[in-house]
Amino acid sequence: MPSALSSAKTRSALRTSARISLQMLLVLLMTAVTLWLLGRMWSVLWPLVVALLLTTLTWPPARFLRRHGWPPALAASLITVLFLLIGAGIVVLIAVPVASQSGELAEGVVDGIQQLREWAAGPPLRIGEDQVTSALDAAVARIQGSVGSIVSATVTGVGTIVNGLVTTVLALFLMFFFLKDGPRFLPWLTRQLPGRLSTDVPTVASRGWDTLGAFVRSQAFVGLLDAVFIGLGLWIVGVPLVLPLAVLTFVSAFVPIVGALFAGFVAVLIALVSNGWTDALIVLAIIIVVQQLEGNVFQPIVQSRGLGLHAAVVLLAVTLGGSLAGIVGSLLAVPVAALIAVLWNYLREQLSDPAAPEAPDPAEPGPAPDAA
């Protein structure tokens, strides 16, 4: 016969389950409150996050100058100016060749549209001129009926651009101060915090800084791989503006998913208007292959090694971040996951029991007694 349930053990199990459930609810509540507060402070936090990421990229040369006797303010000023010059140079490197060939590209766009219309007019679609004209008239009528939405979208876009400029300026100023006074932050933080926090918080902050540096370096390496392979493919196919497209690919790699799609779309469009459909399809195939290798091989391997995360965790983090917060979520998903891993590993270290000394094996002979 099966044994009867013990009422005492059942009540104990229910009490334990209720206590654990209450604790989990409190943790989830505190997490929700924290996320709400971060959302309210996002206008300040976003420039801070951008500045930290830029500082991890510019700190190695600033540290080199400081170790060779440069004053902190002078080293930070020089690195900030050089960073601005490099950013402006990248913009010029992309814009000048495009502007010099804008006439040819415009003619190519017109020819491409005409080729598309001729192709649509033939089999199997057989779309006639009257259908195209009616579709254009319908599109114009719809645009005219949506003037208010277009104006509001334009105003929203202008506001977004202004916010982006403000964020960029604040991030550059914060980057300068981080380069100048960054090494004094942890000692200052140690003096401000009481008790054990004066040790725990600076330790976690130091490990988190190393993790952010590893993320930026790995992202730059992956972007360099994309730029080299895609640029080489464009050069072999004979697409114009290879260097600007390669630079655009490298820069866009710092914005996961959307950046790669944008750079690939530009490359395919230029191949279409300059070389025709065949080369455009070849370029599209090259970009798809490189992006698949980057997203499924290069990026997870490099970031998992640099950040101490498994490749599957990296992929899941990018997917979750993109679904929760769009482009910004995709950009910050991997470093946030790495920082959570840093905090979790430190908590495990502090909460783990010290390893017990191994008992001697009785089968092994002990040390020989000292001679009398």
Foldseek 3Di string as FASTA:
>chain_A
DDDDDDPVVVVVVVVVVVVVVVVVVVVVVVVVVVVVVCVVCVLVVVLVVLLLLVLLVQQVQLVVVVVVPDAQLVSLVVSLVVVVVVVVVLVCLQPVVCVVCVVLLVQLVVVLVVVVVVVCCDPPNNQDPVNVVVVVVVVVVVCVVCVVVVVVVVVVVVVVVVSVVVSVVSSSVVNSVCSRCVVVPLVVQLVVDDDPCSPVVSVLVVVLSQLSSLVSVLLLVLLLQLLVQLLVQCVVLPQPPSVSLSSQSSVLSLQPPVSLVVSLVVSLSSCCSPPNDVSSVSSNVSSVVSVCCSLPPRNLVSSCVSLVHHSVQLNVQLVVQCVVPNRVRNNCSSSVVSSVVSVVVVVCVVPDDPDDDDDDDPVDDDDDDDDD
